[in-house]
């Protein structure tokens, strides 16, 4: 089976190091990331082309670490739907969901850092 994983990175661009901040700040950042991942999950399920519903129902969210989350599917044909093939047009659902939500997620992380600085 193939997986499509979209990572949203940005803490390094904000010039912060999570380890330098206290537990409260880490919790605020983690919350912003988790909420953002859930928004990507919601939108990916809206954007995905539905035939049987198998692909839509396979889209999952998981917390993968401190300030990290992933939204993915393990349905083997998801990559062909997302990126297309030489014989099939692409019908992206993960990329648009991530792109639409990225600015809000980055803003929420910035706000979490700003409001929770020790």
C-alpha atoms as a PDB file:
ATOM      1  CA  UNK A   1       0.000   0.000   0.000  1.00  0.00           C
ATOM      2  CA  UNK A   2       1.165   3.526  -0.607  1.00  0.00           C
ATOM      3  CA  UNK A   3       0.757   6.465   1.689  1.00  0.00           C
ATOM      4  CA  UNK A   4       0.395  10.124   0.954  1.00  0.00           C
ATOM      5  CA  UNK A   5       1.853  12.206   3.754  1.00  0.00           C
ATOM      6  CA  UNK A   6       1.872  15.971   3.749  1.00  0.00           C
ATOM      7  CA  UNK A   7       4.122  17.700   6.234  1.00  0.00           C
ATOM      8  CA  UNK A   8       3.644  21.277   7.234  1.00  0.00           C
ATOM      9  CA  UNK A   9       6.879  22.713   8.486  1.00  0.00           C
ATOM     10  CA  UNK A  10       7.367  26.198   9.736  1.00  0.00           C
ATOM     11  CA  UNK A  11       8.702  26.422  13.259  1.00  0.00           C
ATOM     12  CA  UNK A  12      12.230  26.789  11.924  1.00  0.00           C
ATOM     13  CA  UNK A  13      11.060  29.686   9.747  1.00  0.00           C
ATOM     14  CA  UNK A  14       9.601  31.367  12.803  1.00  0.00           C
ATOM     15  CA  UNK A  15      13.046  31.307  14.359  1.00  0.00           C
ATOM     16  CA  UNK A  16      11.991  29.371  17.428  1.00  0.00           C
ATOM     17  CA  UNK A  17      13.210  26.268  19.132  1.00  0.00           C
ATOM     18  CA  UNK A  18      10.489  24.444  21.059  1.00  0.00           C
ATOM     19  CA  UNK A  19      12.978  23.034  23.557  1.00  0.00           C
ATOM     20  CA  UNK A  20      13.847  26.581  24.700  1.00  0.00           C
ATOM     21  CA  UNK A  21      10.307  27.196  25.856  1.00  0.00           C
ATOM     22  CA  UNK A  22       8.513  25.795  28.841  1.00  0.00           C
ATOM     23  CA  UNK A  23       5.876  23.085  28.871  1.00  0.00           C
ATOM     24  CA  UNK A  24       3.038  25.618  28.620  1.00  0.00           C
ATOM     25  CA  UNK A  25       4.370  27.004  25.354  1.00  0.00           C
ATOM     26  CA  UNK A  26       4.860  23.503  23.991  1.00  0.00           C
ATOM     27  CA  UNK A  27       1.252  22.699  24.828  1.00  0.00           C
ATOM     28  CA  UNK A  28       0.006  25.829  23.031  1.00  0.00           C
ATOM     29  CA  UNK A  29       2.050  25.005  19.934  1.00  0.00           C
ATOM     30  CA  UNK A  30       0.971  21.372  20.036  1.00  0.00           C
ATOM     31  CA  UNK A  31      -2.673  22.411  20.267  1.00  0.00           C
ATOM     32  CA  UNK A  32      -2.345  24.752  17.273  1.00  0.00           C
ATOM     33  CA  UNK A  33      -0.758  21.969  15.213  1.00  0.00           C
ATOM     34  CA  UNK A  34      -3.389  19.416  16.216  1.00  0.00           C
ATOM     35  CA  UNK A  35      -6.270  21.782  15.422  1.00  0.00           C
ATOM     36  CA  UNK A  36      -4.640  22.549  12.067  1.00  0.00           C
ATOM     37  CA  UNK A  37      -4.273  18.869  11.241  1.00  0.00           C
ATOM     38  CA  UNK A  38      -7.937  18.287  12.019  1.00  0.00           C
ATOM     39  CA  UNK A  39      -8.873  21.109   9.633  1.00  0.00           C
ATOM     40  CA  UNK A  40      -6.761  19.501   6.902  1.00  0.00           C
ATOM     41  CA  UNK A  41      -8.472  16.174   7.626  1.00  0.00           C
ATOM     42  CA  UNK A  42     -11.906  17.785   7.344  1.00  0.00           C
ATOM     43  CA  UNK A  43     -11.109  19.499   4.062  1.00  0.00           C
ATOM     44  CA  UNK A  44      -9.373  16.475   2.518  1.00  0.00           C
ATOM     45  CA  UNK A  45     -12.540  14.480   3.151  1.00  0.00           C
ATOM     46  CA  UNK A  46     -14.575  17.227   1.483  1.00  0.00           C
ATOM     47  CA  UNK A  47     -12.263  17.555  -1.548  1.00  0.00           C
ATOM     48  CA  UNK A  48     -11.735  13.856  -2.298  1.00  0.00           C
ATOM     49  CA  UNK A  49     -13.584  12.402  -5.285  1.00  0.00           C
ATOM     50  CA  UNK A  50     -16.041   9.812  -4.009  1.00  0.00           C
ATOM     51  CA  UNK A  51     -17.043   6.627  -5.786  1.00  0.00           C
ATOM     52  CA  UNK A  52     -17.403   4.000  -3.074  1.00  0.00           C
ATOM     53  CA  UNK A  53     -16.327   6.152  -0.109  1.00  0.00           C
ATOM     54  CA  UNK A  54     -13.388   3.875   0.682  1.00  0.00           C
ATOM     55  CA  UNK A  55     -10.750   6.548   0.069  1.00  0.00           C
ATOM     56  CA  UNK A  56     -12.617   9.244   1.990  1.00  0.00           C
ATOM     57  CA  UNK A  57     -13.186   6.911   4.930  1.00  0.00           C
ATOM     58  CA  UNK A  58      -9.496   5.966   5.012  1.00  0.00           C
ATOM     59  CA  UNK A  59      -8.227   9.508   5.583  1.00  0.00           C
ATOM     60  CA  UNK A  60      -6.911   9.636   9.139  1.00  0.00           C
ATOM     61  CA  UNK A  61      -5.221  12.023  11.526  1.00  0.00           C
ATOM     62  CA  UNK A  62      -2.623  11.142  14.133  1.00  0.00           C
ATOM     63  CA  UNK A  63      -0.378  12.986  16.516  1.00  0.00           C
ATOM     64  CA  UNK A  64       3.170  11.936  15.655  1.00  0.00           C
ATOM     65  CA  UNK A  65       5.167  13.864  18.207  1.00  0.00           C
ATOM     66  CA  UNK A  66       5.573  17.096  20.107  1.00  0.00           C
ATOM     67  CA  UNK A  67       4.172  19.773  17.805  1.00  0.00           C
ATOM     68  CA  UNK A  68       3.692  17.222  15.007  1.00  0.00           C
ATOM     69  CA  UNK A  69       0.694  15.606  13.370  1.00  0.00           C
ATOM     70  CA  UNK A  70      -0.059  13.920  10.095  1.00  0.00           C
ATOM     71  CA  UNK A  71      -3.083  13.436   7.925  1.00  0.00           C
ATOM     72  CA  UNK A  72      -2.792  10.442   5.662  1.00  0.00           C
ATOM     73  CA  UNK A  73      -4.448   7.589   3.873  1.00  0.00           C
ATOM     74  CA  UNK A  74      -3.114   4.110   3.284  1.00  0.00           C
ATOM     75  CA  UNK A  75      -5.455   3.253   0.402  1.00  0.00           C
ATOM     76  CA  UNK A  76      -3.186   2.012  -2.371  1.00  0.00           C
ATOM     77  CA  UNK A  77      -4.798   4.025  -5.157  1.00  0.00           C
ATOM     78  CA  UNK A  78      -4.814   7.349  -3.268  1.00  0.00           C
ATOM     79  CA  UNK A  79      -1.553   8.440  -4.892  1.00  0.00           C
ATOM     80  CA  UNK A  80      -3.094   7.936  -8.357  1.00  0.00           C
ATOM     81  CA  UNK A  81      -6.135  10.004  -7.416  1.00  0.00           C
ATOM     82  CA  UNK A  82      -3.975  12.766  -5.909  1.00  0.00           C
ATOM     83  CA  UNK A  83      -1.362  12.978  -8.667  1.00  0.00           C
ATOM     84  CA  UNK A  84      -3.019  11.263 -11.641  1.00  0.00           C
ATOM     85  CA  UNK A  85      -1.381   8.892 -14.105  1.00  0.00           C
ATOM     86  CA  UNK A  86      -0.599   8.997 -17.799  1.00  0.00           C
ATOM     87  CA  UNK A  87      -4.140   7.718 -18.387  1.00  0.00           C
ATOM     88  CA  UNK A  88      -6.021   9.350 -15.530  1.00  0.00           C
ATOM     89  CA  UNK A  89      -6.480  13.007 -14.659  1.00  0.00           C
ATOM     90  CA  UNK A  90      -5.378  14.060 -11.157  1.00  0.00           C
ATOM     91  CA  UNK A  91      -8.003  14.859  -8.531  1.00  0.00           C
ATOM     92  CA  UNK A  92      -5.970  16.333  -5.675  1.00  0.00           C
ATOM     93  CA  UNK A  93      -7.523  16.367  -2.248  1.00  0.00           C
ATOM     94  CA  UNK A  94      -4.637  16.325   0.254  1.00  0.00           C
ATOM     95  CA  UNK A  95      -2.574  19.102  -1.332  1.00  0.00           C
ATOM     96  CA  UNK A  96      -5.465  21.575  -1.576  1.00  0.00           C
ATOM     97  CA  UNK A  97      -6.530  20.795   1.985  1.00  0.00           C
ATOM     98  CA  UNK A  98      -2.993  21.477   3.236  1.00  0.00           C
ATOM     99  CA  UNK A  99      -2.499  24.578   1.085  1.00  0.00           C
ATOM    100  CA  UNK A 100      -5.771  26.192   2.122  1.00  0.00           C
ATOM    101  CA  UNK A 101      -5.115  25.637   5.822  1.00  0.00           C
ATOM    102  CA  UNK A 102      -1.352  26.283   5.960  1.00  0.00           C
ATOM    103  CA  UNK A 103      -1.550  30.077   6.449  1.00  0.00           C
ATOM    104  CA  UNK A 104      -4.029  29.717   9.307  1.00  0.00           C
ATOM    105  CA  UNK A 105      -1.965  26.961  10.944  1.00  0.00           C
ATOM    106  CA  UNK A 106       1.231  28.994  10.741  1.00  0.00           C
ATOM    107  CA  UNK A 107      -0.593  32.027  12.111  1.00  0.00           C
ATOM    108  CA  UNK A 108      -1.989  29.956  14.998  1.00  0.00           C
ATOM    109  CA  UNK A 109       1.499  28.672  15.831  1.00  0.00           C
ATOM    110  CA  UNK A 110       2.898  32.221  15.771  1.00  0.00           C
ATOM    111  CA  UNK A 111       0.067  33.366  18.025  1.00  0.00           C
ATOM    112  CA  UNK A 112       0.642  30.442  20.401  1.00  0.00           C
ATOM    113  CA  UNK A 113       4.304  31.367  20.718  1.00  0.00           C
ATOM    114  CA  UNK A 114       3.542  35.070  21.120  1.00  0.00           C
ATOM    115  CA  UNK A 115       0.879  34.561  23.784  1.00  0.00           C
ATOM    116  CA  UNK A 116       2.659  31.876  25.770  1.00  0.00           C
ATOM    117  CA  UNK A 117       6.214  33.223  25.941  1.00  0.00           C
ATOM    118  CA  UNK A 118       7.646  32.827  29.435  1.00  0.00           C
END
